[in-house]
Amino acid sequence: MTEDLKQPELNSEHICLNGLHELEYWKETLDCDELTLRKAVAVVGDAPEKVRAYLVERREGSCG
């Protein structure tokens, strides 16, 4: 394969889940699966710090 597949630049100020690259990036960065990530964005919005806090809160809540 000699195609030049350029990866789009990511906006780290907002979580955008429209493309596969963006989705994979945020899943890896926030250490969660797609469904959990999409739910978090739906609940708290697309700000990474809010999504991260939501995910941490859910993880801590499920351990106790």
PDB file of N, CA and C in Angstrom:
ATOM      1  N   MET A   1       0.845  -1.177   0.000  1.00  0.00           N
ATOM      2  CA  MET A   1       0.000   0.000   0.000  1.00  0.00           C
ATOM      3  C   MET A   1       0.890   1.240   0.000  1.00  0.00           C
ATOM      4  N   THR A   2       0.764   2.012  -1.016  1.00  0.00           N
ATOM      5  CA  THR A   2       1.570   3.225  -1.094  1.00  0.00           C
ATOM      6  C   THR A   2       0.734   4.477  -0.893  1.00  0.00           C
ATOM      7  N   GLU A   3      -0.520   4.305  -0.502  1.00  0.00           N
ATOM      8  CA  GLU A   3      -1.370   5.463  -0.267  1.00  0.00           C
ATOM      9  C   GLU A   3      -0.845   6.259   0.912  1.00  0.00           C
ATOM     10  N   ASP A   4      -0.922   7.575   0.770  1.00  0.00           N
ATOM     11  CA  ASP A   4      -0.515   8.452   1.860  1.00  0.00           C
ATOM     12  C   ASP A   4      -1.754   8.783   2.677  1.00  0.00           C
ATOM     13  N   LEU A   5      -1.934   8.073   3.761  1.00  0.00           N
ATOM     14  CA  LEU A   5      -3.102   8.292   4.607  1.00  0.00           C
ATOM     15  C   LEU A   5      -2.734   9.268   5.711  1.00  0.00           C
ATOM     16  N   LYS A   6      -3.104  10.503   5.523  1.00  0.00           N
ATOM     17  CA  LYS A   6      -2.793  11.518   6.527  1.00  0.00           C
ATOM     18  C   LYS A   6      -3.815  11.465   7.648  1.00  0.00           C
ATOM     19  N   GLN A   7      -3.319  11.549   8.861  1.00  0.00           N
ATOM     20  CA  GLN A   7      -4.194  11.584  10.017  1.00  0.00           C
ATOM     21  C   GLN A   7      -4.624  13.029  10.249  1.00  0.00           C
ATOM     22  N   PRO A   8      -5.893  13.250  10.527  1.00  0.00           N
ATOM     23  CA  PRO A   8      -6.343  14.614  10.797  1.00  0.00           C
ATOM     24  C   PRO A   8      -5.762  15.115  12.108  1.00  0.00           C
ATOM     25  N   GLU A   9      -5.577  16.426  12.192  1.00  0.00           N
ATOM     26  CA  GLU A   9      -5.109  16.999  13.447  1.00  0.00           C
ATOM     27  C   GLU A   9      -6.246  16.932  14.454  1.00  0.00           C
ATOM     28  N   LEU A  10      -5.897  16.663  15.690  1.00  0.00           N
ATOM     29  CA  LEU A  10      -6.904  16.568  16.734  1.00  0.00           C
ATOM     30  C   LEU A  10      -6.992  17.879  17.487  1.00  0.00           C
ATOM     31  N   ASN A  11      -8.197  18.251  17.835  1.00  0.00           N
ATOM     32  CA  ASN A  11      -8.427  19.410  18.676  1.00  0.00           C
ATOM     33  C   ASN A  11      -8.516  18.888  20.099  1.00  0.00           C
ATOM     34  N   SER A  12      -7.515  19.166  20.898  1.00  0.00           N
ATOM     35  CA  SER A  12      -7.487  18.611  22.250  1.00  0.00           C
ATOM     36  C   SER A  12      -8.368  19.388  23.222  1.00  0.00           C
ATOM     37  N   GLU A  13      -9.005  20.469  22.756  1.00  0.00           N
ATOM     38  CA  GLU A  13      -9.894  21.239  23.619  1.00  0.00           C
ATOM     39  C   GLU A  13     -11.316  20.684  23.613  1.00  0.00           C
ATOM     40  N   HIS A  14     -11.640  19.885  22.598  1.00  0.00           N
ATOM     41  CA  HIS A  14     -12.977  19.309  22.473  1.00  0.00           C
ATOM     42  C   HIS A  14     -12.859  17.875  21.975  1.00  0.00           C
ATOM     43  N   ILE A  15     -13.688  17.020  22.508  1.00  0.00           N
ATOM     44  CA  ILE A  15     -13.715  15.639  22.054  1.00  0.00           C
ATOM     45  C   ILE A  15     -14.687  15.539  20.886  1.00  0.00           C
ATOM     46  N   CYS A  16     -14.167  15.117  19.754  1.00  0.00           N
ATOM     47  CA  CYS A  16     -14.976  14.930  18.556  1.00  0.00           C
ATOM     48  C   CYS A  16     -14.907  13.449  18.197  1.00  0.00           C
ATOM     49  N   LEU A  17     -16.058  12.817  18.071  1.00  0.00           N
ATOM     50  CA  LEU A  17     -16.097  11.374  17.828  1.00  0.00           C
ATOM     51  C   LEU A  17     -16.587  11.037  16.427  1.00  0.00           C
ATOM     52  N   ASN A  18     -16.424  11.957  15.492  1.00  0.00           N
ATOM     53  CA  ASN A  18     -16.933  11.747  14.137  1.00  0.00           C
ATOM     54  C   ASN A  18     -16.082  10.796  13.311  1.00  0.00           C
ATOM     55  N   GLY A  19     -14.785  10.804  13.511  1.00  0.00           N
ATOM     56  CA  GLY A  19     -13.902   9.960  12.711  1.00  0.00           C
ATOM     57  C   GLY A  19     -13.297   8.830  13.517  1.00  0.00           C
ATOM     58  N   LEU A  20     -12.888   7.791  12.820  1.00  0.00           N
ATOM     59  CA  LEU A  20     -12.292   6.630  13.480  1.00  0.00           C
ATOM     60  C   LEU A  20     -11.010   7.011  14.217  1.00  0.00           C
ATOM     61  N   HIS A  21     -10.178   7.849  13.589  1.00  0.00           N
ATOM     62  CA  HIS A  21      -8.919   8.259  14.222  1.00  0.00           C
ATOM     63  C   HIS A  21      -9.189   8.996  15.528  1.00  0.00           C
ATOM     64  N   GLU A  22     -10.141   9.925  15.510  1.00  0.00           N
ATOM     65  CA  GLU A  22     -10.473  10.683  16.714  1.00  0.00           C
ATOM     66  C   GLU A  22     -11.018   9.765  17.802  1.00  0.00           C
ATOM     67  N   LEU A  23     -11.899   8.876  17.407  1.00  0.00           N
ATOM     68  CA  LEU A  23     -12.487   7.940  18.358  1.00  0.00           C
ATOM     69  C   LEU A  23     -11.413   7.077  19.011  1.00  0.00           C
ATOM     70  N   GLU A  24     -10.529   6.518  18.205  1.00  0.00           N
ATOM     71  CA  GLU A  24      -9.451   5.679  18.743  1.00  0.00           C
ATOM     72  C   GLU A  24      -8.524   6.483  19.651  1.00  0.00           C
ATOM     73  N   TYR A  25      -8.211   7.712  19.256  1.00  0.00           N
ATOM     74  CA  TYR A  25      -7.339   8.568  20.067  1.00  0.00           C
ATOM     75  C   TYR A  25      -7.942   8.785  21.454  1.00  0.00           C
ATOM     76  N   TRP A  26      -9.215   9.172  21.505  1.00  0.00           N
ATOM     77  CA  TRP A  26      -9.834   9.484  22.789  1.00  0.00           C
ATOM     78  C   TRP A  26     -10.067   8.230  23.628  1.00  0.00           C
ATOM     79  N   LYS A  27     -10.381   7.109  22.994  1.00  0.00           N
ATOM     80  CA  LYS A  27     -10.522   5.858  23.745  1.00  0.00           C
ATOM     81  C   LYS A  27      -9.209   5.508  24.433  1.00  0.00           C
ATOM     82  N   GLU A  28      -8.111   5.639  23.701  1.00  0.00           N
ATOM     83  CA  GLU A  28      -6.798   5.327  24.274  1.00  0.00           C
ATOM     84  C   GLU A  28      -6.401   6.352  25.334  1.00  0.00           C
ATOM     85  N   THR A  29      -6.612   7.619  25.035  1.00  0.00           N
ATOM     86  CA  THR A  29      -6.222   8.690  25.954  1.00  0.00           C
ATOM     87  C   THR A  29      -6.980   8.609  27.271  1.00  0.00           C
ATOM     88  N   LEU A  30      -8.271   8.315  27.191  1.00  0.00           N
ATOM     89  CA  LEU A  30      -9.109   8.292  28.389  1.00  0.00           C
ATOM     90  C   LEU A  30      -9.305   6.885  28.952  1.00  0.00           C
ATOM     91  N   ASP A  31      -8.692   5.889  28.319  1.00  0.00           N
ATOM     92  CA  ASP A  31      -8.725   4.503  28.784  1.00  0.00           C
ATOM     93  C   ASP A  31     -10.152   4.004  29.029  1.00  0.00           C
ATOM     94  N   CYS A  32     -10.952   4.043  27.957  1.00  0.00           N
ATOM     95  CA  CYS A  32     -12.323   3.552  28.067  1.00  0.00           C
ATOM     96  C   CYS A  32     -12.777   3.002  26.722  1.00  0.00           C
ATOM     97  N   ASP A  33     -13.905   2.313  26.730  1.00  0.00           N
ATOM     98  CA  ASP A  33     -14.432   1.782  25.475  1.00  0.00           C
ATOM     99  C   ASP A  33     -15.311   2.834  24.785  1.00  0.00           C
ATOM    100  N   GLU A  34     -15.715   2.527  23.566  1.00  0.00           N
ATOM    101  CA  GLU A  34     -16.477   3.489  22.763  1.00  0.00           C
ATOM    102  C   GLU A  34     -17.811   3.855  23.406  1.00  0.00           C
ATOM    103  N   LEU A  35     -18.542   2.880  23.885  1.00  0.00           N
ATOM    104  CA  LEU A  35     -19.849   3.144  24.474  1.00  0.00           C
ATOM    105  C   LEU A  35     -19.731   4.052  25.696  1.00  0.00           C
ATOM    106  N   THR A  36     -18.769   3.767  26.557  1.00  0.00           N
ATOM    107  CA  THR A  36     -18.553   4.577  27.748  1.00  0.00           C
ATOM    108  C   THR A  36     -18.157   5.995  27.369  1.00  0.00           C
ATOM    109  N   LEU A  37     -17.284   6.124  26.381  1.00  0.00           N
ATOM    110  CA  LEU A  37     -16.848   7.439  25.925  1.00  0.00           C
ATOM    111  C   LEU A  37     -18.016   8.239  25.360  1.00  0.00           C
ATOM    112  N   ARG A  38     -18.806   7.619  24.510  1.00  0.00           N
ATOM    113  CA  ARG A  38     -19.962   8.316  23.911  1.00  0.00           C
ATOM    114  C   ARG A  38     -20.972   8.732  24.987  1.00  0.00           C
ATOM    115  N   LYS A  39     -21.194   7.870  25.975  1.00  0.00           N
ATOM    116  CA  LYS A  39     -22.121   8.209  27.056  1.00  0.00           C
ATOM    117  C   LYS A  39     -21.587   9.384  27.866  1.00  0.00           C
ATOM    118  N   ALA A  40     -20.303   9.360  28.173  1.00  0.00           N
ATOM    119  CA  ALA A  40     -19.703  10.444  28.947  1.00  0.00           C
ATOM    120  C   ALA A  40     -19.833  11.779  28.221  1.00  0.00           C
ATOM    121  N   VAL A  41     -19.569  11.788  26.924  1.00  0.00           N
ATOM    122  CA  VAL A  41     -19.689  13.021  26.135  1.00  0.00           C
ATOM    123  C   VAL A  41     -21.146  13.483  26.113  1.00  0.00           C
ATOM    124  N   ALA A  42     -22.076  12.554  26.017  1.00  0.00           N
ATOM    125  CA  ALA A  42     -23.496  12.911  26.011  1.00  0.00           C
ATOM    126  C   ALA A  42     -23.929  13.509  27.352  1.00  0.00           C
ATOM    127  N   VAL A  43     -23.351  13.016  28.443  1.00  0.00           N
ATOM    128  CA  VAL A  43     -23.744  13.461  29.778  1.00  0.00           C
ATOM    129  C   VAL A  43     -23.099  14.790  30.159  1.00  0.00           C
ATOM    130  N   VAL A  44     -21.791  14.928  29.937  1.00  0.00           N
ATOM    131  CA  VAL A  44     -21.082  16.114  30.444  1.00  0.00           C
ATOM    132  C   VAL A  44     -20.586  17.067  29.365  1.00  0.00           C
ATOM    133  N   GLY A  45     -20.740  16.714  28.112  1.00  0.00           N
ATOM    134  CA  GLY A  45     -20.262  17.587  27.036  1.00  0.00           C
ATOM    135  C   GLY A  45     -18.925  17.110  26.501  1.00  0.00           C
ATOM    136  N   ASP A  46     -18.347  17.913  25.613  1.00  0.00           N
ATOM    137  CA  ASP A  46     -17.153  17.469  24.888  1.00  0.00           C
ATOM    138  C   ASP A  46     -15.831  18.007  25.420  1.00  0.00           C
ATOM    139  N   ALA A  47     -15.839  18.595  26.607  1.00  0.00           N
ATOM    140  CA  ALA A  47     -14.592  19.079  27.204  1.00  0.00           C
ATOM    141  C   ALA A  47     -13.840  17.895  27.819  1.00  0.00           C
ATOM    142  N   PRO A  48     -12.604  17.660  27.377  1.00  0.00           N
ATOM    143  CA  PRO A  48     -11.853  16.497  27.870  1.00  0.00           C
ATOM    144  C   PRO A  48     -11.735  16.417  29.388  1.00  0.00           C
ATOM    145  N   GLU A  49     -11.532  17.552  30.056  1.00  0.00           N
ATOM    146  CA  GLU A  49     -11.377  17.510  31.511  1.00  0.00           C
ATOM    147  C   GLU A  49     -12.678  17.083  32.193  1.00  0.00           C
ATOM    148  N   LYS A  50     -13.820  17.468  31.647  1.00  0.00           N
ATOM    149  CA  LYS A  50     -15.104  17.052  32.217  1.00  0.00           C
ATOM    150  C   LYS A  50     -15.359  15.569  31.963  1.00  0.00           C
ATOM    151  N   VAL A  51     -15.021  15.115  30.781  1.00  0.00           N
ATOM    152  CA  VAL A  51     -15.196  13.699  30.456  1.00  0.00           C
ATOM    153  C   VAL A  51     -14.285  12.853  31.334  1.00  0.00           C
ATOM    154  N   ARG A  52     -13.042  13.273  31.499  1.00  0.00           N
ATOM    155  CA  ARG A  52     -12.102  12.538  32.351  1.00  0.00           C
ATOM    156  C   ARG A  52     -12.624  12.459  33.789  1.00  0.00           C
ATOM    157  N   ALA A  53     -13.108  13.584  34.327  1.00  0.00           N
ATOM    158  CA  ALA A  53     -13.637  13.603  35.692  1.00  0.00           C
ATOM    159  C   ALA A  53     -14.851  12.683  35.821  1.00  0.00           C
ATOM    160  N   TYR A  54     -15.714  12.691  34.823  1.00  0.00           N
ATOM    161  CA  TYR A  54     -16.891  11.817  34.819  1.00  0.00           C
ATOM    162  C   TYR A  54     -16.470  10.350  34.841  1.00  0.00           C
ATOM    163  N   LEU A  55     -15.496  10.001  34.017  1.00  0.00           N
ATOM    164  CA  LEU A  55     -15.033   8.615  33.955  1.00  0.00           C
ATOM    165  C   LEU A  55     -14.391   8.184  35.270  1.00  0.00           C
ATOM    166  N   VAL A  56     -13.603   9.062  35.875  1.00  0.00           N
ATOM    167  CA  VAL A  56     -12.973   8.753  37.162  1.00  0.00           C
ATOM    168  C   VAL A  56     -14.046   8.542  38.225  1.00  0.00           C
ATOM    169  N   GLU A  57     -15.035   9.418  38.237  1.00  0.00           N
ATOM    170  CA  GLU A  57     -16.127   9.302  39.208  1.00  0.00           C
ATOM    171  C   GLU A  57     -16.871   7.977  39.045  1.00  0.00           C
ATOM    172  N   ARG A  58     -17.124   7.587  37.821  1.00  0.00           N
ATOM    173  CA  ARG A  58     -17.811   6.308  37.557  1.00  0.00           C
ATOM    174  C   ARG A  58     -16.963   5.129  38.020  1.00  0.00           C
ATOM    175  N   ARG A  59     -15.659   5.186  37.744  1.00  0.00           N
ATOM    176  CA  ARG A  59     -14.773   4.079  38.146  1.00  0.00           C
ATOM    177  C   ARG A  59     -14.715   3.957  39.660  1.00  0.00           C
ATOM    178  N   GLU A  60     -14.592   5.095  40.341  1.00  0.00           N
ATOM    179  CA  GLU A  60     -14.525   5.069  41.806  1.00  0.00           C
ATOM    180  C   GLU A  60     -15.844   4.599  42.399  1.00  0.00           C
ATOM    181  N   GLY A  61     -16.943   4.999  41.799  1.00  0.00           N
ATOM    182  CA  GLY A  61     -18.266   4.595  42.278  1.00  0.00           C
ATOM    183  C   GLY A  61     -18.526   3.114  42.099  1.00  0.00           C
ATOM    184  N   SER A  62     -17.952   2.529  41.051  1.00  0.00           N
ATOM    185  CA  SER A  62     -18.187   1.106  40.796  1.00  0.00           C
ATOM    186  C   SER A  62     -17.306   0.209  41.652  1.00  0.00           C
ATOM    187  N   CYS A  63     -16.312   0.793  42.311  1.00  0.00           N
ATOM    188  CA  CYS A  63     -15.406  -0.003  43.145  1.00  0.00           C
ATOM    189  C   CYS A  63     -15.886  -0.087  44.588  1.00  0.00           C
ATOM    190  N   GLY A  64     -16.811   0.763  44.956  1.00  0.00           N
ATOM    191  CA  GLY A  64     -17.191   0.803  46.353  1.00  0.00           C
ATOM    192  C   GLY A  64     -18.461   0.218  46.613  1.00  0.00           C
TER     193      GLY A  64
END
